[in-house]
Protein backbone atom coordinates (compact mmCIF):
# COMPACT_ATOMS: atom_id res chain seq x y z
CA MET A 1 24.93 -61.08 173.87
CA ALA A 2 23.71 -63.66 171.38
CA SER A 3 20.82 -64.51 173.65
CA THR A 4 19.79 -60.86 173.88
CA TRP A 5 19.96 -60.52 170.11
CA GLN A 6 17.83 -63.64 169.68
CA ARG A 7 15.21 -62.29 172.13
CA LEU A 8 15.08 -58.99 170.27
CA ASN A 9 14.67 -60.78 166.92
CA SER A 10 11.97 -62.99 168.39
CA ALA A 11 10.10 -60.00 169.80
CA ALA A 12 10.34 -58.15 166.49
CA GLU A 13 9.10 -61.22 164.62
CA GLY A 14 6.19 -61.63 167.01
CA ALA A 15 5.23 -57.94 166.73
CA SER A 16 5.32 -58.15 162.91
CA ALA A 17 3.16 -61.26 162.98
CA ARG A 18 0.62 -59.55 165.25
CA VAL A 19 0.43 -56.46 163.02
CA ALA A 20 0.03 -58.62 159.92
CA SER A 21 -2.74 -60.65 161.66
CA PHE A 22 -4.50 -57.48 162.77
CA MET A 23 -4.42 -55.98 159.29
CA ALA A 24 -5.65 -59.24 157.70
CA ALA A 25 -8.51 -59.57 160.16
CA ASN A 26 -9.59 -55.93 159.95
CA SER A 27 -8.71 -54.88 156.41
CA GLY A 28 -12.34 -54.72 155.33
CA VAL A 29 -13.59 -52.44 158.13
CA LEU A 30 -10.41 -50.32 157.88
CA ALA A 31 -10.94 -49.77 154.13
CA VAL A 32 -14.57 -48.75 154.62
CA THR A 33 -13.63 -46.43 157.49
CA ILE A 34 -10.93 -44.70 155.46
CA GLY A 35 -13.44 -44.33 152.65
CA ALA A 36 -15.91 -42.71 155.04
CA GLY A 37 -13.16 -40.37 156.23
CA ILE A 38 -12.29 -39.38 152.68
CA PHE A 39 -15.98 -38.74 151.96
CA ALA A 40 -16.32 -36.57 155.08
CA TYR A 41 -13.02 -34.66 154.71
CA GLY A 42 -12.43 -34.81 150.99
CA TYR A 43 -12.70 -31.02 150.79
CA GLN A 44 -9.80 -30.67 153.16
CA LEU A 45 -7.64 -32.88 150.90
CA THR A 46 -7.95 -30.31 148.10
CA GLN A 47 -8.24 -27.01 150.04
CA PHE A 48 -5.06 -24.95 150.03
CA SER A 49 -6.14 -21.69 151.61
CA PHE A 50 -5.16 -20.44 155.03
CA SER A 51 -7.06 -20.97 158.25
CA ILE A 52 -6.59 -18.76 161.30
CA ASP A 53 -3.34 -19.61 163.15
CA GLU A 54 -1.68 -21.13 160.09
CA GLU A 55 -0.24 -17.75 159.14
CA VAL A 56 1.53 -17.91 162.54
CA MET A 57 2.67 -21.52 162.63
CA TRP A 58 3.86 -21.69 159.02
CA GLN A 59 6.08 -18.65 159.46
CA GLN A 60 7.65 -19.48 162.83
CA PRO A 61 11.44 -19.04 162.65
CA TYR A 62 11.80 -21.72 165.34
CA THR A 63 9.88 -24.78 166.59
CA ASP A 64 10.10 -24.01 170.34
CA ALA A 65 6.61 -22.48 170.24
CA TRP A 66 5.18 -25.90 171.15
CA LEU A 67 7.53 -26.09 174.18
CA GLU A 68 6.36 -22.69 175.36
CA GLN A 69 2.80 -24.02 175.30
CA ARG A 70 3.85 -27.03 177.42
CA ARG A 71 3.23 -29.33 174.45
CA TRP A 72 6.53 -31.18 174.07
CA GLY A 73 4.75 -34.03 172.36
CA MET A 74 3.89 -31.78 169.45
CA HIS A 75 7.47 -30.53 169.46
CA LEU A 76 8.69 -34.15 169.22
CA PHE A 77 6.34 -35.00 166.38
CA GLN A 78 7.35 -31.87 164.45
CA LYS A 79 11.03 -32.79 164.90
CA LEU A 80 10.38 -36.27 163.55
CA ALA A 81 8.12 -35.21 160.65
CA PRO A 82 8.68 -31.47 160.12
CA GLU A 83 6.87 -31.31 156.77
CA ALA A 84 3.63 -33.00 157.88
CA ILE A 85 2.04 -29.57 158.49
CA TYR A 86 0.84 -28.60 155.03
CA PRO A 87 -2.36 -29.20 153.05
CA PHE A 88 -3.24 -32.63 151.69
CA THR A 89 -0.47 -34.47 153.56
CA THR A 90 -1.74 -33.68 157.04
CA ALA A 91 -5.38 -34.35 156.10
CA ALA A 92 -4.52 -37.67 154.41
CA VAL A 93 -2.41 -38.84 157.35
CA ALA A 94 -5.08 -37.76 159.82
CA ILE A 95 -7.84 -39.67 157.96
CA VAL A 96 -5.77 -42.87 157.98
CA LEU A 97 -4.74 -42.56 161.64
CA LEU A 98 -8.23 -41.64 162.85
CA SER A 99 -9.55 -44.68 160.95
CA LEU A 100 -6.89 -46.91 162.48
CA SER A 101 -7.78 -45.61 165.95
CA ALA A 102 -11.42 -46.52 165.49
CA VAL A 103 -10.66 -50.00 164.18
CA LEU A 104 -8.10 -50.66 166.94
CA LEU A 105 -10.65 -49.75 169.60
CA VAL A 106 -13.31 -52.27 168.47
CA ALA A 107 -11.09 -54.93 166.86
CA ARG A 108 -11.20 -57.24 169.89
CA HIS A 109 -14.94 -56.97 170.43
CA PRO A 110 -16.79 -60.18 169.60
CA VAL A 111 -19.48 -58.44 167.53
CA ARG A 112 -20.62 -58.63 163.93
CA PHE A 113 -18.80 -56.79 161.13
CA SER A 114 -21.71 -54.38 160.58
CA ALA A 115 -21.58 -53.24 164.22
CA LYS A 116 -17.94 -52.30 163.85
CA LEU A 117 -18.77 -50.37 160.70
CA VAL A 118 -21.40 -48.36 162.63
CA PHE A 119 -18.87 -47.31 165.22
CA CYS A 120 -15.94 -46.65 162.88
CA THR A 121 -17.80 -44.66 160.25
CA LEU A 122 -19.67 -42.49 162.79
CA PHE A 123 -16.40 -41.97 164.64
CA VAL A 124 -14.17 -40.98 161.76
CA SER A 125 -16.71 -38.65 160.17
CA PHE A 126 -17.77 -36.85 163.35
CA PRO A 127 -17.44 -33.07 162.85
CA THR A 128 -15.49 -32.54 166.11
CA PHE A 129 -12.45 -33.81 164.21
CA ALA A 130 -12.87 -30.84 161.84
CA HIS A 131 -11.07 -28.83 164.44
CA ILE A 132 -7.82 -30.72 163.90
CA GLN A 133 -8.39 -31.29 160.21
CA MET A 134 -8.83 -27.62 159.41
CA PHE A 135 -5.60 -26.71 161.15
CA ASP A 136 -3.21 -28.25 158.69
CA TYR A 137 -0.19 -27.58 160.92
CA MET A 138 -1.41 -30.02 163.60
CA GLY A 139 -3.96 -32.42 162.06
CA ALA A 140 -1.52 -35.28 161.48
CA TYR A 141 0.21 -34.80 164.86
CA VAL A 142 -2.99 -34.81 166.93
CA SER A 143 -4.15 -37.90 165.08
CA VAL A 144 -0.91 -39.65 166.00
CA ALA A 145 -1.54 -38.67 169.64
CA LEU A 146 -5.13 -39.92 169.43
CA LEU A 147 -3.90 -43.27 168.14
CA MET A 148 -1.49 -43.41 171.12
CA VAL A 149 -4.41 -42.86 173.48
CA VAL A 150 -6.33 -45.80 171.98
CA ALA A 151 -3.19 -47.95 172.10
CA ALA A 152 -2.72 -47.03 175.75
CA GLU A 153 -6.32 -48.02 176.52
CA ARG A 154 -5.82 -51.33 174.74
CA LEU A 155 -2.65 -51.96 176.79
CA VAL A 156 -4.52 -51.24 180.01
CA GLU A 157 -7.09 -53.89 179.04
CA SER A 158 -4.28 -56.38 178.24
CA ALA A 159 -2.57 -55.54 181.56
CA ALA A 160 -5.78 -56.36 183.43
CA GLU A 161 -6.09 -59.67 181.63
CA ARG A 162 -2.41 -60.70 181.32
CA SER A 163 0.62 -58.82 182.62
CA LYS A 164 0.56 -55.61 184.70
CA TRP A 165 3.97 -54.71 183.20
CA LEU A 166 2.07 -53.54 180.10
CA LEU A 167 1.07 -50.49 182.12
CA ILE A 168 4.59 -49.09 181.61
CA PRO A 169 4.28 -48.66 177.81
CA ALA A 170 0.67 -47.59 178.30
CA ALA A 171 1.72 -44.74 180.60
CA CYS A 172 4.53 -43.71 178.19
CA LEU A 173 2.21 -43.58 175.21
CA LEU A 174 -0.42 -41.66 177.15
CA ALA A 175 2.19 -39.16 178.42
CA VAL A 176 3.32 -38.32 174.89
CA ALA A 177 -0.30 -37.98 173.80
CA VAL A 178 -1.17 -35.64 176.68
CA ALA A 179 1.98 -33.65 175.95
CA SER A 180 0.62 -33.12 172.46
CA TYR A 181 -2.97 -32.20 173.28
CA GLN A 182 -3.78 -31.94 177.00
CA SER A 183 -7.50 -32.84 176.74
CA LEU A 184 -6.52 -36.25 175.35
CA LEU A 185 -6.13 -37.42 178.98
CA PHE A 186 -9.95 -37.22 179.15
CA VAL A 187 -10.30 -38.97 175.84
CA PHE A 188 -8.43 -41.88 177.50
CA VAL A 189 -11.10 -41.93 180.23
CA THR A 190 -13.91 -42.00 177.63
CA ALA A 191 -12.22 -44.79 175.65
CA LEU A 192 -11.81 -46.82 178.83
CA LEU A 193 -15.47 -46.35 179.77
CA PHE A 194 -16.53 -47.30 176.26
CA SER A 195 -14.69 -50.60 176.55
CA LEU A 196 -16.17 -51.23 180.01
CA THR A 197 -19.69 -50.53 178.75
CA THR A 198 -19.18 -52.85 175.79
CA GLU A 199 -18.05 -55.62 178.19
CA ALA A 200 -21.04 -54.96 180.48
CA PHE A 201 -23.59 -55.32 177.64
CA GLY A 202 -21.81 -58.47 176.50
CA SER A 203 -22.30 -59.83 180.02
CA ARG A 204 -18.52 -60.30 180.27
CA LEU A 205 -17.90 -57.76 183.06
CA SER A 206 -17.72 -58.64 186.73
CA LEU A 207 -17.42 -56.15 189.58
CA GLU A 208 -13.91 -57.43 190.34
CA ARG A 209 -12.84 -57.15 186.68
CA ALA A 210 -14.32 -53.66 186.37
CA GLY A 211 -12.52 -52.54 189.53
CA LYS A 212 -9.21 -53.91 188.32
CA TRP A 213 -9.65 -52.24 184.92
CA ILE A 214 -10.52 -48.88 186.44
CA ALA A 215 -7.62 -49.11 188.95
CA PHE A 216 -5.15 -49.88 186.21
CA GLY A 217 -6.55 -47.02 184.11
CA GLY A 218 -6.15 -44.66 187.06
CA ILE A 219 -2.57 -45.76 187.68
CA THR A 220 -1.79 -45.26 183.99
CA GLY A 221 -3.33 -41.81 183.93
CA VAL A 222 -1.50 -40.62 187.07
CA ALA A 223 1.82 -42.07 185.86
CA ALA A 224 1.30 -40.41 182.46
CA LEU A 225 0.69 -37.00 184.16
CA VAL A 226 3.77 -37.34 186.33
CA LEU A 227 5.91 -38.24 183.29
CA TYR A 228 4.38 -35.39 181.22
CA TYR A 229 4.97 -32.71 183.85
CA GLY A 230 8.38 -34.15 184.83
CA LEU A 231 9.68 -33.90 181.27
CA ASP A 232 7.92 -30.53 180.85
CA LEU A 233 9.89 -29.01 183.72
CA VAL A 234 13.13 -30.14 182.04
CA LEU A 235 12.18 -29.14 178.45
CA SER A 236 10.07 -26.02 178.89
CA PRO A 237 10.64 -24.23 182.23
CA ARG A 238 9.10 -21.09 180.71
CA SER A 239 5.49 -21.12 179.54
CA THR A 240 3.22 -18.72 177.67
CA GLY A 241 0.41 -19.81 179.95
CA TYR A 242 -1.50 -21.18 176.98
CA VAL A 243 -2.54 -24.39 178.71
CA GLU A 244 -2.84 -22.97 182.23
CA SER A 245 -5.31 -20.36 181.04
CA TYR A 246 -7.96 -23.05 180.56
CA PHE A 247 -8.09 -23.76 184.29
CA ARG A 248 -10.77 -21.41 185.61
CA TRP A 249 -11.94 -22.83 188.96
CA GLY A 250 -10.69 -20.55 191.73
CA THR A 251 -9.81 -17.71 189.35
CA THR A 252 -13.34 -17.20 188.02
CA GLY A 253 -16.55 -17.20 190.01
CA THR A 254 -18.43 -20.49 190.19
CA LEU A 255 -21.66 -19.05 188.78
CA GLU A 256 -19.75 -17.42 185.95
CA VAL A 257 -18.03 -20.74 185.10
CA LEU A 258 -21.30 -22.65 185.15
CA SER A 259 -23.01 -19.98 183.06
CA ALA A 260 -20.20 -20.12 180.49
CA LEU A 261 -20.51 -23.94 180.38
CA TYR A 262 -24.25 -23.67 179.82
CA GLN A 263 -23.93 -21.08 177.06
CA SER A 264 -21.18 -23.02 175.26
CA ALA A 265 -23.27 -26.23 175.54
CA LEU A 266 -26.20 -24.73 173.63
CA PRO A 267 -24.63 -25.29 170.20
CA TYR A 268 -24.42 -29.02 170.96
CA LEU A 269 -28.16 -28.93 171.68
CA ARG A 270 -29.34 -26.93 168.69
CA GLY A 271 -26.49 -27.37 166.20
CA THR A 272 -23.99 -25.03 164.61
CA PRO A 273 -22.32 -24.79 161.18
CA LEU A 274 -20.03 -27.62 162.42
CA THR A 275 -22.47 -29.81 164.33
CA HIS A 276 -25.96 -31.16 164.07
CA PRO A 277 -27.95 -31.19 167.35
CA THR A 278 -25.60 -33.76 168.92
CA ILE A 279 -27.10 -34.37 172.35
CA PRO A 280 -30.73 -34.86 171.17
CA THR A 281 -29.45 -37.22 168.47
CA ALA A 282 -27.82 -39.35 171.17
CA LEU A 283 -31.05 -39.73 173.14
CA PHE A 284 -32.28 -42.66 171.06
CA PRO A 285 -29.38 -45.01 171.71
CA ILE A 286 -29.33 -43.95 175.35
CA VAL A 287 -33.01 -44.97 175.77
CA VAL A 288 -32.38 -48.25 173.92
CA LEU A 289 -29.41 -49.06 176.19
CA VAL A 290 -31.33 -48.13 179.33
CA VAL A 291 -34.11 -50.54 178.31
CA LEU A 292 -31.81 -53.35 177.26
CA ALA A 293 -29.41 -53.02 180.21
CA ALA A 294 -31.98 -54.84 182.39
CA ARG A 295 -31.43 -57.99 180.27
CA THR A 296 -27.73 -58.23 181.04
CA GLU A 297 -26.33 -60.51 183.76
CA ARG A 298 -25.31 -57.50 185.87
CA PRO A 299 -27.72 -54.64 185.15
CA ALA A 300 -26.17 -52.38 187.76
CA LEU A 301 -22.77 -52.45 185.97
CA ALA A 302 -24.45 -51.85 182.62
CA TYR A 303 -26.40 -48.82 183.94
CA ALA A 304 -23.38 -47.37 185.75
CA SER A 305 -21.01 -47.69 182.80
CA THR A 306 -23.56 -46.29 180.39
CA PHE A 307 -24.15 -43.24 182.60
CA LEU A 308 -20.44 -42.59 182.91
CA LEU A 309 -19.93 -42.97 179.16
CA VAL A 310 -22.69 -40.46 178.47
CA VAL A 311 -21.25 -37.80 180.78
CA SER A 312 -17.57 -38.50 180.08
CA PRO A 313 -17.20 -35.89 177.31
CA LEU A 314 -17.94 -33.28 180.04
CA PHE A 315 -15.15 -34.44 182.35
CA VAL A 316 -12.58 -32.02 180.90
CA HIS A 317 -14.94 -29.11 181.43
CA LEU A 318 -15.86 -30.14 184.95
CA ALA A 319 -12.20 -30.60 185.83
CA PHE A 320 -10.98 -27.30 184.39
CA GLY A 321 -14.15 -25.19 184.35
CA THR A 322 -13.37 -24.33 180.73
CA TRP A 323 -15.94 -23.62 178.07
CA MET A 324 -17.12 -26.21 175.56
CA ALA A 325 -15.06 -25.54 172.40
CA SER A 326 -14.32 -27.87 169.50
CA ARG A 327 -10.70 -28.32 170.66
CA SER A 328 -11.81 -29.69 174.04
CA MET A 329 -14.49 -32.01 172.63
CA LEU A 330 -12.26 -34.72 171.19
CA ALA A 331 -13.91 -37.28 173.56
CA LEU A 332 -17.34 -36.69 172.03
CA PRO A 333 -16.87 -38.89 168.92
CA PHE A 334 -15.99 -41.87 171.19
CA ALA A 335 -19.13 -41.46 173.24
CA PHE A 336 -21.45 -40.57 170.34
CA ALA A 337 -20.31 -43.37 168.03
CA GLY A 338 -19.97 -45.73 170.99
CA LEU A 339 -23.61 -45.28 172.06
CA TRP A 340 -24.93 -45.97 168.57
CA TYR A 341 -22.59 -48.92 168.23
CA LEU A 342 -23.75 -50.46 171.51
CA ALA A 343 -27.38 -49.90 170.60
CA PHE A 344 -26.79 -51.63 167.27
CA ALA A 345 -24.98 -54.56 168.84
CA VAL A 346 -27.71 -55.38 171.39
CA SER A 347 -30.79 -54.44 169.41
CA PRO A 348 -33.22 -56.75 167.50
CA PRO A 349 -32.94 -56.81 163.66
CA ILE A 350 -35.62 -54.16 163.01
CA LEU A 351 -33.77 -51.62 165.20
CA ARG A 352 -30.42 -52.58 163.64
CA ALA A 353 -31.83 -51.79 160.18
CA GLY A 354 -32.92 -48.37 161.36
CA ILE A 355 -29.55 -47.65 163.02
CA ALA A 356 -27.74 -48.67 159.83
CA GLY A 357 -29.91 -46.18 157.90
CA PHE A 358 -29.20 -43.48 160.45
CA THR A 359 -25.45 -44.17 160.15
CA CYS A 360 -25.56 -43.64 156.37
CA TYR A 361 -27.55 -40.45 156.87
CA ALA A 362 -25.17 -39.17 159.58
CA ILE A 363 -22.13 -39.67 157.34
CA VAL A 364 -23.75 -37.60 154.60
CA LEU A 365 -24.79 -34.94 157.13
CA HIS A 366 -21.29 -34.85 158.68
CA SER A 367 -19.71 -34.51 155.25
CA SER A 368 -22.11 -31.66 154.41
CA VAL A 369 -21.45 -29.60 157.55
CA ILE A 370 -17.68 -30.12 157.30
CA SER A 371 -17.68 -29.17 153.62
CA ARG A 372 -19.74 -26.06 154.44
CA ALA A 373 -17.24 -25.00 157.10
CA SER A 374 -14.33 -25.64 154.70
CA LEU A 375 -16.04 -23.64 151.97
CA ALA A 376 -16.75 -20.80 154.42
CA GLN A 377 -13.09 -20.68 155.35
CA GLU A 378 -12.06 -20.65 151.66
CA VAL A 379 -14.43 -17.85 150.63
CA THR A 380 -13.43 -15.83 153.72
CA TYR A 381 -9.80 -16.21 152.77
CA ARG A 382 -10.49 -15.09 149.19
CA ALA A 383 -12.44 -12.07 150.49
CA ASP A 384 -9.58 -11.21 152.83
CA VAL A 385 -7.11 -11.42 149.93
CA ILE A 386 -9.14 -8.88 147.93
CA VAL A 387 -8.93 -6.43 150.86
CA ALA A 388 -5.25 -7.19 151.35
CA GLU A 389 -4.34 -6.56 147.75
CA ARG A 390 -5.90 -3.12 147.88
CA VAL A 391 -4.31 -2.33 151.24
CA LEU A 392 -0.88 -3.29 149.89
CA ALA A 393 -1.45 -1.12 146.84
CA LEU A 394 -2.39 1.87 148.99
CA ILE A 395 0.59 1.34 151.25
CA GLN A 396 2.88 1.38 148.20
CA ASP A 397 1.18 4.58 146.99
CA VAL A 398 1.76 6.50 150.21
CA ARG A 399 5.19 5.02 151.06
CA PRO A 400 6.80 3.33 148.04
CA ARG A 401 10.03 2.47 149.89
CA ILE A 402 8.41 1.26 153.14
CA ALA A 403 10.44 -1.99 153.04
CA GLU A 404 13.77 -0.27 152.46
CA ASP A 405 13.47 2.54 154.97
CA GLN A 406 11.75 0.29 157.54
CA THR A 407 8.85 2.60 158.15
CA PRO A 408 6.60 1.06 160.81
CA LEU A 409 3.08 -0.03 159.89
CA ALA A 410 0.04 0.46 162.18
CA PHE A 411 -3.50 -0.81 161.93
CA VAL A 412 -6.47 0.89 163.57
CA GLY A 413 -9.73 -1.01 164.09
CA MET A 414 -10.88 -4.16 162.31
CA LEU A 415 -13.20 -5.30 159.55
CA ASP A 416 -16.26 -7.26 160.54
CA PRO A 417 -18.84 -6.57 157.83
CA LYS A 418 -22.20 -8.28 157.70
CA ARG A 419 -21.83 -11.00 155.05
CA SER A 420 -24.05 -13.49 153.35
CA MET A 421 -24.91 -16.90 154.84
CA LEU A 422 -22.16 -18.40 152.68
CA PHE A 423 -19.65 -16.93 155.18
CA ALA A 424 -20.60 -19.33 157.98
CA ARG A 425 -18.65 -18.92 161.19
CA ASP A 426 -18.18 -21.35 164.02
CA ASP A 427 -15.55 -20.45 166.60
CA VAL A 428 -12.31 -20.08 164.66
CA PHE A 429 -13.69 -21.46 161.39
CA GLY A 430 -14.72 -18.81 158.93
CA GLY A 431 -12.89 -16.11 160.89
CA SER A 432 -11.38 -13.21 158.92
CA PHE A 433 -7.74 -12.17 159.28
CA TRP A 434 -9.01 -8.57 159.40
CA GLN A 435 -11.33 -9.33 162.31
CA TRP A 436 -9.69 -12.08 164.33
CA ASP A 437 -8.73 -11.44 167.95
CA ALA A 438 -10.52 -8.05 167.95
CA GLY A 439 -8.25 -6.83 165.11
CA ASN A 440 -4.78 -8.13 165.99
CA PRO A 441 -2.22 -6.09 163.99
CA TYR A 442 0.46 -8.81 164.23
CA ARG A 443 -1.91 -11.34 162.61
CA MET A 444 -2.71 -8.84 159.88
CA ARG A 445 0.99 -8.32 159.17
CA LEU A 446 1.67 -12.06 158.98
CA PHE A 447 -1.28 -12.44 156.62
CA LEU A 448 0.17 -9.71 154.36
CA LEU A 449 3.52 -11.46 154.45
CA THR A 450 1.88 -14.57 152.99
CA LEU A 451 0.79 -12.45 150.03
CA GLY A 452 4.26 -11.11 149.32
CA MET A 453 4.74 -8.08 151.56
CA PRO A 454 8.47 -7.82 152.38
CA ALA A 455 9.38 -9.27 155.79
CA THR A 456 11.28 -6.09 156.69
CA VAL A 457 8.00 -4.28 157.15
CA GLN A 458 7.19 -4.34 160.88
CA VAL A 459 4.18 -3.33 162.97
CA ALA A 460 4.65 -0.28 165.12
CA PRO A 461 5.35 -1.19 168.78
CA ALA A 462 2.34 -1.38 171.11
CA SER A 463 3.55 1.70 172.96
CA GLU A 464 2.83 3.69 169.78
CA TRP A 465 -0.78 2.49 169.30
CA PRO A 466 -2.47 5.17 171.46
CA ARG A 467 -0.63 7.91 169.50
CA VAL A 468 -1.55 6.25 166.17
CA ARG A 469 -5.24 6.18 167.17
CA SER A 470 -5.10 9.91 167.88
CA LEU A 471 -3.40 10.54 164.54
CA SER A 472 -6.12 8.58 162.72
CA ARG A 473 -9.13 10.36 164.20
CA ASP A 474 -9.68 12.64 161.23
CA MET A 475 -8.89 9.92 158.67
CA PRO A 476 -11.66 8.18 156.71
CA ALA A 477 -12.02 4.45 157.37
CA TRP A 478 -11.92 1.57 154.88
CA PRO A 479 -12.82 1.39 151.98
CA ASP A 480 -12.05 5.10 151.33
CA ARG A 481 -8.72 5.59 149.53
CA GLY A 482 -7.65 7.88 152.32
CA CYS A 483 -7.79 5.06 154.84
CA VAL A 484 -4.04 4.55 154.36
CA GLN A 485 -1.82 7.56 155.09
CA PHE A 486 1.75 8.31 156.15
CA ARG A 487 1.64 10.35 159.30
CA GLU A 488 4.47 11.38 161.63
CA GLY A 489 6.77 8.54 160.63
CA VAL A 490 4.11 5.80 160.60
CA VAL A 491 2.01 4.28 157.80
CA VAL A 492 -1.47 4.16 159.29
CA VAL A 493 -4.12 1.76 157.93
CA LYS A 494 -7.52 2.73 159.35
CA LEU A 495 -9.95 -0.18 158.95
CA SER A 496 -12.73 1.18 161.19
CA ASN A 497 -13.41 3.90 163.71
CA VAL A 498 -12.45 3.10 167.32
CA ASP A 499 -13.15 4.83 170.64
């Protein structure tokens, strides 16, 4: 017993010493990375308005919603830190954890300090992370999972160099991460390929070493999936189909899937409110690496790993046939920042100066597009509140005791007015509660609850909606005062004409 206690104490002391050593060696790059994250996402630290989905998650009477989505990792995180779902806290935690992930990934690389800064600052500020930052209810949790992915990749590298038993904690960490955000499995692949490419350009990668690394990564990924689905069957035998719906091969025609992939890839070519033209911007480091790969000891390995790193952000889409949305592009910052980092590390001084300048420019650009998206969400929320206040007033006028007598509420149509360029929209961001999901009445009700409408007011059941549409045919639509009327036992709110 005493021997076991001594071993545990020794292991704890060793772990503490390694953490202290890591922090001491990387404190400078970590501080700069956190500063870049604050600069990029500072708006999110001070923004307290709702985003789409937050009106749902913040008013859930139970936390089993994550289990029903086959995301028991998120369920676990919320159990451990139930309050890390609100503004400021989640953004601050996410910035720190994303920064730590970046530093951990490059900490072992024998490169100059400035090269690590290029990777870490481009990584932490990349707009793809706006997807998790703008959803306050999950930003911190997904960042924890992302850190677990990087830790798993580091353990795979250590297992290939030292002890294969390190694959066990690697698989466990990856399983929890995948159970939080399923596409993180493909982030693990990109992180692994980034490390392999770094080793190849440092002339430290042999074919045998690369094969062992890839084999250990494959074993870890398969073991993580088995563990994830095994626990999922125990914890969440019933599913909403949220995750399964992303798998489209076999259920959707091949040409239709490929066409959807092409259409959703266009924003990454020409830019959106949340991205600059990402793929063209990555062409420069790709060309530099293709030219300089010939100077490595094993050019074939350098070329192969570079190619795989470039296409790795598409692996999730090729595997599932799903469209390219922000939530499935979490591997992109690894590849984008990784390519510029590698180009900086192997380039002559004149190119390094140019890449350093581009890095500073990219951070400012990333901050600008993220701030624009945040502002668009805020002004959309404020505009929605103005509509909601008038709708609530009209409801009280036509049915003053709607909460007490439990009169059902029904919405007809949606609001999707043409607005100024200030109301930028990109996927979910900038979406109106009066327009989202083709006018979802349950979302509208939850939004009104956040503004003080009594929780006893319920939406009329779906079976009543056809009848309500018929009743509303001769009613004027919003913004006419007659758009809210009490008809045949239902308070009808007509937002627009419908067929």
